[in-house]
């Protein structure tokens, strides 16, 4: 992904040189809202890339509900092809670019977006619902137990990672996408909400960050709105990917709003902060830019 200048990094606090490197802040909850017309999946992919980058000690637990592992591996490999962006992010690579050693050699060693390598090194853990034994529709009474078992797998992975000697890696839990989890739960909103609250406990008890992708426009009923209101209440960041009001343009495919909620700490309150960008989807990523900055 190309940003000018690192707009999404700044909005989410992912700038190089800070204590958390490329990972989200500990205990942070991010809600990504998109629509069938305008996908926000590229934000999820970007957060994975930053969590696994050179300047981060992050570990990703990825609940894949929408696609198999091969899909995410292909997407992340495409993001890795933008060497100029990586050189901007990491000063060491910029130095090598000016030196005798080709930067591509260093990049080949890095394997920054090779999910297979990160999975072998226990930095990327995939929970593929397509391969999990989840209750079928004829066993609706066992849906709750199925979600409890799924959460137990995630919790066990977090505990194993946290118990490693000298392990200070920051754990990010990503869910793609929540609307499909509701389908797997046969429409039981209560079971889905319980599962989410289980995951939220990991942000406070284990300092994990939690990122949830959800299709906002598929919930016309009251129950669906109840789920969305819970998500909005829980989130520290709300990211909305929407189509342009005027429709898709040649170089603008949608608009992005990043809302950082205000916080209250010891009597000190910080106000909500909203950032608005336009984006253009490309083969190897997405360009973000301020509205009106392109002629």
Protein backbone atom coordinates (compact mmCIF):
# COMPACT_ATOMS: atom_id res chain seq x y z
CA UNK A 1 0.00 0.00 0.00
CA UNK A 2 1.17 3.50 -0.78
CA UNK A 3 0.17 6.34 1.50
CA UNK A 4 0.92 10.02 1.17
CA UNK A 5 2.32 10.62 3.68
CA UNK A 6 1.71 7.35 5.56
CA UNK A 7 -1.85 8.43 6.25
CA UNK A 8 -3.19 5.18 7.64
CA UNK A 9 -0.04 4.66 9.74
CA UNK A 10 -0.53 8.05 11.36
CA UNK A 11 -4.26 7.59 11.91
CA UNK A 12 -3.75 4.22 13.65
CA UNK A 13 -0.49 5.03 15.43
CA UNK A 14 1.64 2.61 13.41
CA UNK A 15 4.49 4.98 12.64
CA UNK A 16 8.06 3.52 12.65
CA UNK A 17 10.20 4.31 15.65
CA UNK A 18 7.52 4.14 18.33
CA UNK A 19 7.52 1.47 21.00
CA UNK A 20 5.01 -0.86 19.39
CA UNK A 21 6.77 -0.84 16.00
CA UNK A 22 4.32 -1.82 13.30
CA UNK A 23 1.71 -3.33 15.62
CA UNK A 24 -1.41 -1.70 17.00
CA UNK A 25 -1.24 -0.43 20.57
CA UNK A 26 -1.83 -3.03 23.26
CA UNK A 27 -5.46 -3.60 24.18
CA UNK A 28 -6.68 -1.72 21.11
CA UNK A 29 -9.94 -2.72 19.38
CA UNK A 30 -10.42 -1.75 15.73
CA UNK A 31 -13.71 -2.10 13.86
CA UNK A 32 -13.57 -2.00 10.06
CA UNK A 33 -16.98 -1.38 8.49
CA UNK A 34 -17.43 -1.82 4.77
CA UNK A 35 -20.15 -2.76 2.32
CA UNK A 36 -20.65 -5.27 -0.44
CA UNK A 37 -20.11 -2.42 -2.90
CA UNK A 38 -16.91 -1.09 -1.30
CA UNK A 39 -14.65 -3.62 0.39
CA UNK A 40 -12.45 -2.65 3.34
CA UNK A 41 -10.45 -5.88 3.25
CA UNK A 42 -7.33 -3.99 2.15
CA UNK A 43 -7.17 -2.39 5.61
CA UNK A 44 -7.13 -5.80 7.25
CA UNK A 45 -4.36 -6.96 4.92
CA UNK A 46 -2.35 -3.83 5.65
CA UNK A 47 -2.61 -4.33 9.42
CA UNK A 48 -1.32 -7.89 9.00
CA UNK A 49 1.59 -6.63 6.92
CA UNK A 50 2.54 -3.98 9.48
CA UNK A 51 2.21 -6.39 12.41
CA UNK A 52 4.66 -8.77 10.73
CA UNK A 53 7.06 -6.08 9.49
CA UNK A 54 10.72 -5.61 10.32
CA UNK A 55 10.10 -2.93 12.93
CA UNK A 56 7.55 -5.03 14.81
CA UNK A 57 7.75 -8.06 17.10
CA UNK A 58 4.09 -8.76 16.43
CA UNK A 59 2.34 -12.12 16.24
CA UNK A 60 -0.93 -12.46 14.31
CA UNK A 61 -3.80 -14.81 15.17
CA UNK A 62 -6.04 -14.73 12.10
CA UNK A 63 -9.60 -16.07 12.13
CA UNK A 64 -10.25 -16.71 8.43
CA UNK A 65 -13.96 -16.89 7.76
CA UNK A 66 -14.06 -15.47 4.24
CA UNK A 67 -11.11 -17.08 2.41
CA UNK A 68 -8.54 -19.91 2.68
CA UNK A 69 -4.89 -19.37 3.61
CA UNK A 70 -3.79 -19.28 -0.05
CA UNK A 71 -5.87 -16.14 -0.65
CA UNK A 72 -4.21 -14.15 2.14
CA UNK A 73 -0.76 -15.40 1.19
CA UNK A 74 -1.28 -14.23 -2.39
CA UNK A 75 -2.52 -10.79 -1.28
CA UNK A 76 0.37 -10.26 1.15
CA UNK A 77 2.90 -11.30 -1.49
CA UNK A 78 1.48 -8.64 -3.80
CA UNK A 79 1.88 -6.04 -1.07
CA UNK A 80 5.50 -7.11 -0.69
CA UNK A 81 6.29 -6.12 -4.27
CA UNK A 82 6.30 -2.41 -3.46
CA UNK A 83 9.99 -2.04 -2.58
CA UNK A 84 10.01 1.74 -2.75
CA UNK A 85 7.36 1.88 -0.01
CA UNK A 86 9.34 -0.55 2.15
CA UNK A 87 12.47 1.53 1.73
CA UNK A 88 10.55 4.56 2.96
CA UNK A 89 9.29 2.66 5.98
CA UNK A 90 12.59 1.10 7.04
CA UNK A 91 15.71 3.30 7.11
CA UNK A 92 18.01 0.26 7.01
CA UNK A 93 16.65 -0.69 3.62
CA UNK A 94 17.02 2.88 2.41
CA UNK A 95 20.69 2.78 3.42
CA UNK A 96 21.20 -0.50 1.60
CA UNK A 97 19.61 1.00 -1.48
CA UNK A 98 22.42 3.55 -1.54
CA UNK A 99 25.09 0.94 -0.77
CA UNK A 100 26.78 -1.78 -2.74
CA UNK A 101 24.31 -4.53 -1.86
CA UNK A 102 21.07 -4.56 -3.89
CA UNK A 103 18.04 -3.91 -1.76
CA UNK A 104 16.24 -6.82 -3.42
CA UNK A 105 18.72 -9.25 -1.81
CA UNK A 106 17.94 -7.88 1.60
CA UNK A 107 14.24 -8.03 0.86
CA UNK A 108 14.52 -11.68 -0.18
CA UNK A 109 16.03 -12.47 3.22
CA UNK A 110 13.36 -10.48 5.04
CA UNK A 111 10.36 -12.39 3.62
CA UNK A 112 8.24 -9.73 5.28
CA UNK A 113 4.98 -10.71 3.61
CA UNK A 114 5.59 -14.44 3.16
CA UNK A 115 2.87 -15.87 5.36
CA UNK A 116 4.13 -19.44 4.92
CA UNK A 117 7.46 -18.46 6.45
CA UNK A 118 5.78 -16.54 9.27
CA UNK A 119 3.52 -19.51 9.96
CA UNK A 120 6.56 -21.79 10.22
CA UNK A 121 8.16 -19.30 12.59
CA UNK A 122 4.98 -19.17 14.72
CA UNK A 123 4.35 -15.49 13.97
CA UNK A 124 1.23 -16.12 11.91
CA UNK A 125 -1.46 -18.48 13.23
CA UNK A 126 -4.46 -19.20 11.01
CA UNK A 127 -7.82 -20.45 12.25
CA UNK A 128 -9.57 -21.56 9.08
CA UNK A 129 -13.28 -22.08 9.73
CA UNK A 130 -13.49 -24.07 6.50
CA UNK A 131 -11.31 -26.73 8.12
CA UNK A 132 -12.71 -26.53 11.64
CA UNK A 133 -15.39 -28.95 12.77
CA UNK A 134 -18.26 -26.54 13.25
CA UNK A 135 -21.81 -27.64 14.15
CA UNK A 136 -24.13 -28.19 11.20
CA UNK A 137 -27.61 -26.76 10.96
CA UNK A 138 -29.20 -29.96 12.26
CA UNK A 139 -27.31 -29.49 15.54
CA UNK A 140 -28.25 -25.92 16.40
CA UNK A 141 -28.14 -26.70 20.11
CA UNK A 142 -24.40 -27.24 19.81
CA UNK A 143 -23.65 -23.91 18.07
CA UNK A 144 -22.74 -22.23 21.33
CA UNK A 145 -20.35 -25.05 22.20
CA UNK A 146 -18.76 -24.75 18.75
CA UNK A 147 -18.03 -21.05 19.32
CA UNK A 148 -16.72 -21.78 22.82
CA UNK A 149 -14.33 -24.35 21.37
CA UNK A 150 -13.22 -21.90 18.68
CA UNK A 151 -12.50 -19.29 21.32
CA UNK A 152 -10.66 -21.88 23.42
CA UNK A 153 -8.31 -22.52 20.49
CA UNK A 154 -7.58 -18.79 20.23
CA UNK A 155 -7.16 -18.42 23.99
CA UNK A 156 -4.79 -21.40 24.15
CA UNK A 157 -2.65 -19.94 21.36
CA UNK A 158 -2.46 -16.61 23.22
CA UNK A 159 -1.47 -18.33 26.46
CA UNK A 160 1.24 -20.40 24.76
CA UNK A 161 2.71 -17.32 23.08
CA UNK A 162 2.56 -15.27 26.29
CA UNK A 163 4.22 -18.02 28.34
CA UNK A 164 7.32 -18.29 26.16
CA UNK A 165 10.54 -17.31 27.89
CA UNK A 166 11.41 -13.64 27.35
CA UNK A 167 8.44 -13.29 24.97
CA UNK A 168 7.33 -9.68 24.67
CA UNK A 169 5.68 -10.03 21.31
CA UNK A 170 2.47 -8.11 20.81
CA UNK A 171 -0.44 -10.32 19.74
CA UNK A 172 -3.03 -9.12 17.22
CA UNK A 173 -6.27 -11.07 16.73
CA UNK A 174 -7.97 -10.43 13.39
CA UNK A 175 -11.44 -11.59 12.30
CA UNK A 176 -12.35 -11.69 8.58
CA UNK A 177 -15.30 -11.26 8.47
CA UNK A 178 -17.83 -11.22 11.28
CA UNK A 179 -20.92 -11.50 9.07
CA UNK A 180 -19.81 -14.99 8.02
CA UNK A 181 -19.40 -16.01 11.66
CA UNK A 182 -23.07 -15.19 12.13
CA UNK A 183 -23.89 -17.52 9.24
CA UNK A 184 -21.81 -20.28 10.84
CA UNK A 185 -23.76 -19.69 14.05
CA UNK A 186 -27.02 -20.13 12.09
CA UNK A 187 -28.09 -16.54 12.73
CA UNK A 188 -27.71 -16.67 16.51
CA UNK A 189 -26.73 -13.10 17.34
CA UNK A 190 -26.43 -13.83 21.05
CA UNK A 191 -23.84 -16.56 20.45
CA UNK A 192 -21.84 -14.25 18.17
CA UNK A 193 -21.93 -11.46 20.76
CA UNK A 194 -20.78 -13.85 23.48
CA UNK A 195 -17.89 -14.97 21.28
CA UNK A 196 -16.89 -11.35 20.68
CA UNK A 197 -16.96 -10.58 24.38
CA UNK A 198 -14.72 -13.58 25.01
CA UNK A 199 -12.24 -12.16 22.49
CA UNK A 200 -12.50 -8.69 24.05
CA UNK A 201 -11.41 -10.12 27.41
CA UNK A 202 -8.08 -11.01 25.77
CA UNK A 203 -7.47 -7.31 25.03
CA UNK A 204 -7.66 -6.48 28.74
CA UNK A 205 -6.24 -9.66 30.27
CA UNK A 206 -3.47 -10.37 27.74
CA UNK A 207 -3.07 -6.91 26.15
CA UNK A 208 -3.91 -8.29 22.71
CA UNK A 209 -5.27 -6.02 20.01
CA UNK A 210 -8.46 -7.06 18.22
CA UNK A 211 -9.39 -6.16 14.62
CA UNK A 212 -12.84 -7.01 13.26
CA UNK A 213 -14.00 -6.67 9.65
CA UNK A 214 -17.77 -6.50 9.24
CA UNK A 215 -20.14 -5.80 6.35
CA UNK A 216 -22.35 -3.04 7.71
CA UNK A 217 -25.02 -3.07 5.02
CA UNK A 218 -26.23 -6.67 5.42
CA UNK A 219 -28.03 -6.06 8.72
CA UNK A 220 -31.48 -4.63 7.99
CA UNK A 221 -33.17 -6.04 11.10
CA UNK A 222 -33.13 -4.92 14.71
CA UNK A 223 -30.94 -7.83 15.82
CA UNK A 224 -28.30 -6.86 13.27
CA UNK A 225 -28.32 -3.27 14.45
CA UNK A 226 -27.84 -4.52 18.00
CA UNK A 227 -24.64 -6.27 16.91
CA UNK A 228 -23.37 -3.15 15.15
CA UNK A 229 -24.09 -0.95 18.17
CA UNK A 230 -22.13 -3.33 20.39
CA UNK A 231 -19.18 -3.26 18.01
CA UNK A 232 -19.19 0.53 17.81
CA UNK A 233 -19.35 0.74 21.61
CA UNK A 234 -16.40 -1.62 22.08
CA UNK A 235 -14.09 -0.18 19.42
CA UNK A 236 -11.26 2.30 20.02
CA UNK A 237 -10.97 2.91 16.27
CA UNK A 238 -13.83 2.79 13.77
CA UNK A 239 -12.79 2.63 10.11
CA UNK A 240 -15.47 3.03 7.45
CA UNK A 241 -14.84 2.23 3.79
CA UNK A 242 -17.59 3.74 1.66
CA UNK A 243 -18.24 4.48 -2.00
CA UNK A 244 -18.00 8.04 -3.22
CA UNK A 245 -21.28 9.91 -3.20
CA UNK A 246 -20.68 10.73 -6.85
CA UNK A 247 -19.79 7.14 -7.80
CA UNK A 248 -16.48 5.52 -8.80
CA UNK A 249 -14.05 7.84 -10.56
CA UNK A 250 -11.08 6.87 -12.70
CA UNK A 251 -8.55 7.49 -9.95
CA UNK A 252 -10.77 7.43 -6.82
CA UNK A 253 -12.54 4.21 -5.85
CA UNK A 254 -13.91 5.16 -2.44
CA UNK A 255 -13.57 7.15 0.74
CA UNK A 256 -12.15 6.12 4.10
CA UNK A 257 -12.98 7.55 7.50
CA UNK A 258 -10.84 6.68 10.55
CA UNK A 259 -12.40 7.68 13.86
CA UNK A 260 -10.21 7.49 16.94
CA UNK A 261 -12.38 7.64 20.03
CA UNK A 262 -11.50 10.04 22.79
CA UNK A 263 -10.18 8.69 26.08
CA UNK A 264 -10.50 9.69 29.72
CA UNK A 265 -7.59 9.10 32.09
CA UNK A 266 -7.22 10.58 35.57
CA UNK A 267 -9.46 13.51 34.73
CA UNK A 268 -7.74 14.19 31.40
CA UNK A 269 -9.97 13.78 28.37
CA UNK A 270 -8.95 13.62 24.73
CA UNK A 271 -11.60 14.37 22.14
CA UNK A 272 -12.58 12.11 19.25
CA UNK A 273 -10.38 12.54 16.19
CA UNK A 274 -11.59 11.80 12.67
CA UNK A 275 -9.44 11.47 9.55
CA UNK A 276 -10.89 11.37 6.05
CA UNK A 277 -9.14 10.01 2.96
CA UNK A 278 -9.88 8.91 -0.56
CA UNK A 279 -8.43 5.68 -1.90
CA UNK A 280 -7.60 4.04 -5.20
CA UNK A 281 -7.24 0.26 -5.39
CA UNK A 282 -4.21 -0.95 -7.36
CA UNK A 283 -2.75 -4.36 -8.19
CA UNK A 284 -0.11 -4.21 -5.42
CA UNK A 285 -1.95 -2.18 -2.82
CA UNK A 286 -4.00 0.94 -2.33
CA UNK A 287 -3.15 4.63 -2.61
CA UNK A 288 -4.54 6.86 0.14
CA UNK A 289 -4.73 10.62 -0.28
CA UNK A 290 -6.61 13.62 1.05
CA UNK A 291 -9.81 14.63 -0.80
CA UNK A 292 -9.06 17.21 -3.48
CA UNK A 293 -5.30 16.52 -3.47
CA UNK A 294 -5.45 14.96 -6.93
CA UNK A 295 -6.27 17.06 -9.95
